[in-house]
N, C-alpha and C. Protein backbone atom coordinates (compact mmCIF):
# COMPACT_ATOMS: atom_id res chain seq x y z
N MET A 1 136.52 144.33 30.90
CA MET A 1 135.60 143.22 30.82
C MET A 1 135.80 142.30 32.02
N THR A 2 134.72 141.89 32.65
CA THR A 2 134.78 141.00 33.79
C THR A 2 135.00 139.57 33.30
N PRO A 3 135.95 138.86 33.92
CA PRO A 3 136.20 137.47 33.50
C PRO A 3 134.97 136.59 33.72
N GLN A 4 134.84 135.57 32.89
CA GLN A 4 133.78 134.58 33.06
C GLN A 4 134.23 133.57 34.12
N LEU A 5 133.32 133.16 34.99
CA LEU A 5 133.62 132.18 36.02
C LEU A 5 132.78 130.94 35.81
N LYS A 6 133.33 129.80 36.14
CA LYS A 6 132.55 128.58 36.19
C LYS A 6 132.01 128.47 37.61
N ILE A 7 130.73 128.12 37.73
CA ILE A 7 130.07 128.01 39.03
C ILE A 7 129.71 126.56 39.27
N VAL A 8 130.07 126.05 40.44
CA VAL A 8 129.66 124.72 40.87
C VAL A 8 128.39 124.89 41.68
N VAL A 9 127.37 124.10 41.37
CA VAL A 9 126.13 124.11 42.15
C VAL A 9 125.93 122.68 42.66
N GLU A 10 125.88 122.54 43.98
CA GLU A 10 125.69 121.24 44.61
C GLU A 10 124.28 121.14 45.17
N LYS A 11 123.66 119.99 44.95
CA LYS A 11 122.34 119.74 45.51
C LYS A 11 122.51 118.91 46.78
N HIS A 12 121.94 119.41 47.87
CA HIS A 12 121.97 118.72 49.16
C HIS A 12 120.54 118.44 49.60
N SER A 13 120.38 117.65 50.63
CA SER A 13 119.03 117.29 51.08
C SER A 13 118.24 118.52 51.56
N ASP A 14 118.94 119.55 52.01
CA ASP A 14 118.26 120.73 52.55
C ASP A 14 118.38 121.97 51.65
N GLY A 15 118.81 121.79 50.41
CA GLY A 15 118.91 122.92 49.50
C GLY A 15 120.12 122.82 48.59
N TYR A 16 120.52 123.94 48.03
CA TYR A 16 121.62 124.01 47.07
C TYR A 16 122.70 124.95 47.57
N VAL A 17 123.95 124.64 47.21
CA VAL A 17 125.11 125.47 47.52
C VAL A 17 125.82 125.74 46.20
N ALA A 18 126.27 126.97 46.00
CA ALA A 18 126.96 127.33 44.76
C ALA A 18 128.22 128.12 45.08
N TYR A 19 129.27 127.86 44.30
CA TYR A 19 130.52 128.60 44.49
C TYR A 19 131.29 128.65 43.18
N PRO A 20 132.02 129.74 42.94
CA PRO A 20 132.80 129.87 41.72
C PRO A 20 134.15 129.17 41.85
N LEU A 21 134.66 128.71 40.73
CA LEU A 21 136.01 128.14 40.68
C LEU A 21 136.99 129.20 40.20
N GLY A 22 138.22 129.15 40.69
CA GLY A 22 139.29 129.96 40.14
C GLY A 22 139.38 131.39 40.59
N LEU A 23 138.92 131.71 41.80
CA LEU A 23 139.10 133.08 42.29
C LEU A 23 140.57 133.32 42.63
N ALA A 24 141.04 134.52 42.37
CA ALA A 24 142.42 134.87 42.71
C ALA A 24 142.58 135.06 44.22
N ARG A 25 141.51 135.53 44.87
CA ARG A 25 141.60 135.85 46.30
C ARG A 25 140.25 135.61 46.95
N GLY A 26 140.28 134.96 48.10
CA GLY A 26 139.08 134.80 48.91
C GLY A 26 138.21 133.64 48.48
N ALA A 27 137.09 133.53 49.16
CA ALA A 27 136.10 132.49 48.88
C ALA A 27 134.72 133.13 48.81
N VAL A 28 133.89 132.60 47.94
CA VAL A 28 132.53 133.10 47.75
C VAL A 28 131.60 131.90 47.70
N VAL A 29 130.52 131.97 48.47
CA VAL A 29 129.54 130.88 48.49
C VAL A 29 128.14 131.47 48.48
N GLY A 30 127.25 130.82 47.77
CA GLY A 30 125.83 131.19 47.78
C GLY A 30 125.02 129.96 48.12
N GLN A 31 123.79 130.17 48.55
CA GLN A 31 122.92 129.04 48.88
C GLN A 31 121.48 129.42 48.59
N GLY A 32 120.64 128.39 48.46
CA GLY A 32 119.23 128.64 48.22
C GLY A 32 118.44 127.36 48.25
N ASP A 33 117.14 127.50 48.28
CA ASP A 33 116.25 126.34 48.29
C ASP A 33 116.13 125.70 46.91
N THR A 34 116.49 126.45 45.86
CA THR A 34 116.44 125.94 44.50
C THR A 34 117.77 126.22 43.81
N TYR A 35 117.98 125.54 42.67
CA TYR A 35 119.17 125.77 41.85
C TYR A 35 119.26 127.25 41.48
N GLU A 36 118.15 127.80 41.01
CA GLU A 36 118.13 129.19 40.56
C GLU A 36 118.42 130.16 41.70
N ALA A 37 117.87 129.86 42.89
CA ALA A 37 118.09 130.73 44.05
C ALA A 37 119.55 130.71 44.47
N ALA A 38 120.17 129.53 44.47
CA ALA A 38 121.59 129.42 44.83
C ALA A 38 122.46 130.16 43.82
N LEU A 39 122.14 130.03 42.54
CA LEU A 39 122.89 130.71 41.49
C LEU A 39 122.75 132.23 41.62
N ALA A 40 121.55 132.71 41.88
CA ALA A 40 121.34 134.14 42.08
C ALA A 40 122.10 134.63 43.31
N ASP A 41 122.11 133.84 44.38
CA ASP A 41 122.79 134.23 45.61
C ASP A 41 124.30 134.30 45.40
N VAL A 42 124.87 133.32 44.69
CA VAL A 42 126.32 133.35 44.46
C VAL A 42 126.69 134.49 43.51
N ARG A 43 125.84 134.81 42.55
CA ARG A 43 126.11 135.96 41.68
C ARG A 43 126.15 137.26 42.49
N SER A 44 125.23 137.39 43.43
CA SER A 44 125.21 138.55 44.31
C SER A 44 126.47 138.58 45.18
N ALA A 45 126.88 137.42 45.67
CA ALA A 45 128.08 137.35 46.51
C ALA A 45 129.33 137.69 45.70
N ILE A 46 129.38 137.26 44.44
CA ILE A 46 130.52 137.60 43.57
C ILE A 46 130.56 139.11 43.34
N ALA A 47 129.42 139.72 43.09
CA ALA A 47 129.37 141.18 42.89
C ALA A 47 129.87 141.91 44.14
N PHE A 48 129.47 141.44 45.33
CA PHE A 48 129.93 142.06 46.57
C PHE A 48 131.44 141.85 46.73
N HIS A 49 131.92 140.67 46.38
CA HIS A 49 133.36 140.34 46.46
C HIS A 49 134.17 141.30 45.58
N VAL A 50 133.69 141.52 44.36
CA VAL A 50 134.37 142.44 43.44
C VAL A 50 134.30 143.87 43.96
N GLU A 51 133.14 144.25 44.51
CA GLU A 51 132.99 145.59 45.08
C GLU A 51 133.95 145.80 46.25
N THR A 52 134.16 144.75 47.04
CA THR A 52 135.02 144.84 48.22
C THR A 52 136.50 144.79 47.87
N PHE A 53 136.90 143.82 47.02
CA PHE A 53 138.31 143.58 46.74
C PHE A 53 138.77 144.08 45.38
N GLY A 54 137.85 144.49 44.54
CA GLY A 54 138.20 144.93 43.20
C GLY A 54 138.22 143.76 42.22
N VAL A 55 138.22 144.09 40.95
CA VAL A 55 138.19 143.06 39.91
C VAL A 55 139.45 142.20 39.95
N ALA A 56 140.53 142.67 40.58
CA ALA A 56 141.75 141.87 40.70
C ALA A 56 141.51 140.58 41.47
N ALA A 57 140.47 140.56 42.30
CA ALA A 57 140.13 139.33 43.04
C ALA A 57 139.69 138.23 42.08
N LEU A 58 139.31 138.59 40.86
CA LEU A 58 138.92 137.62 39.85
C LEU A 58 140.02 137.40 38.82
N ALA A 59 141.18 138.00 39.01
CA ALA A 59 142.23 138.01 37.99
C ALA A 59 142.61 136.62 37.52
N SER A 60 142.73 135.66 38.43
CA SER A 60 143.17 134.34 37.98
C SER A 60 142.13 133.68 37.07
N ALA A 61 140.88 134.04 37.25
CA ALA A 61 139.84 133.48 36.39
C ALA A 61 140.07 133.93 34.94
N GLY A 62 140.54 135.16 34.76
CA GLY A 62 140.80 135.65 33.41
C GLY A 62 142.18 135.26 32.90
N ASP A 63 143.17 135.25 33.80
CA ASP A 63 144.54 134.93 33.41
C ASP A 63 144.76 133.44 33.17
N ASP A 64 144.14 132.62 33.99
CA ASP A 64 144.31 131.18 33.90
C ASP A 64 142.95 130.53 34.17
N PRO A 65 142.04 130.61 33.21
CA PRO A 65 140.68 130.15 33.45
C PRO A 65 140.59 128.65 33.71
N VAL A 66 139.61 128.28 34.50
CA VAL A 66 139.31 126.86 34.71
C VAL A 66 138.66 126.37 33.42
N LEU A 67 139.29 125.42 32.77
CA LEU A 67 138.78 124.92 31.49
C LEU A 67 137.69 123.88 31.69
N ASP A 68 137.80 123.11 32.75
CA ASP A 68 136.81 122.08 33.03
C ASP A 68 136.94 121.72 34.50
N ALA A 69 135.91 121.12 35.05
CA ALA A 69 135.93 120.68 36.44
C ALA A 69 135.39 119.27 36.50
N PHE A 70 135.90 118.49 37.41
CA PHE A 70 135.53 117.09 37.52
C PHE A 70 135.16 116.78 38.96
N VAL A 71 134.34 115.78 39.14
CA VAL A 71 133.99 115.29 40.47
C VAL A 71 134.62 113.92 40.61
N ALA A 72 135.35 113.70 41.69
CA ALA A 72 135.99 112.41 41.93
C ALA A 72 135.72 111.98 43.37
N GLU A 73 135.80 110.70 43.62
CA GLU A 73 135.63 110.18 44.97
C GLU A 73 136.91 109.47 45.39
N THR A 74 137.15 109.49 46.68
CA THR A 74 138.27 108.76 47.23
C THR A 74 137.94 108.34 48.66
N ALA A 75 138.54 107.28 49.10
CA ALA A 75 138.36 106.84 50.49
C ALA A 75 139.30 107.65 51.37
N VAL A 76 138.83 107.96 52.55
CA VAL A 76 139.66 108.69 53.52
C VAL A 76 140.01 107.71 54.63
N PRO A 77 141.31 107.50 54.86
CA PRO A 77 141.70 106.56 55.92
C PRO A 77 141.17 107.01 57.27
N ALA A 78 140.67 106.06 58.04
CA ALA A 78 140.12 106.39 59.36
C ALA A 78 141.21 106.42 60.40
């Protein structure tokens, strides 16, 4: 069984960016003009990632799943 992933979808002025949380290896990003397009693109990228690296690349998602995700802000010293 493939582990379930939480996907972050960010809305930007020029479109949407989506990425999964909790990958064991590597980074995966999708993008699109709409929420649905970005989600479909990241799903395709995840499938390619698994095809390339094997399901072990998702192991941490199943072994230690992300239970929740939060957005926080902080000032960055100049």
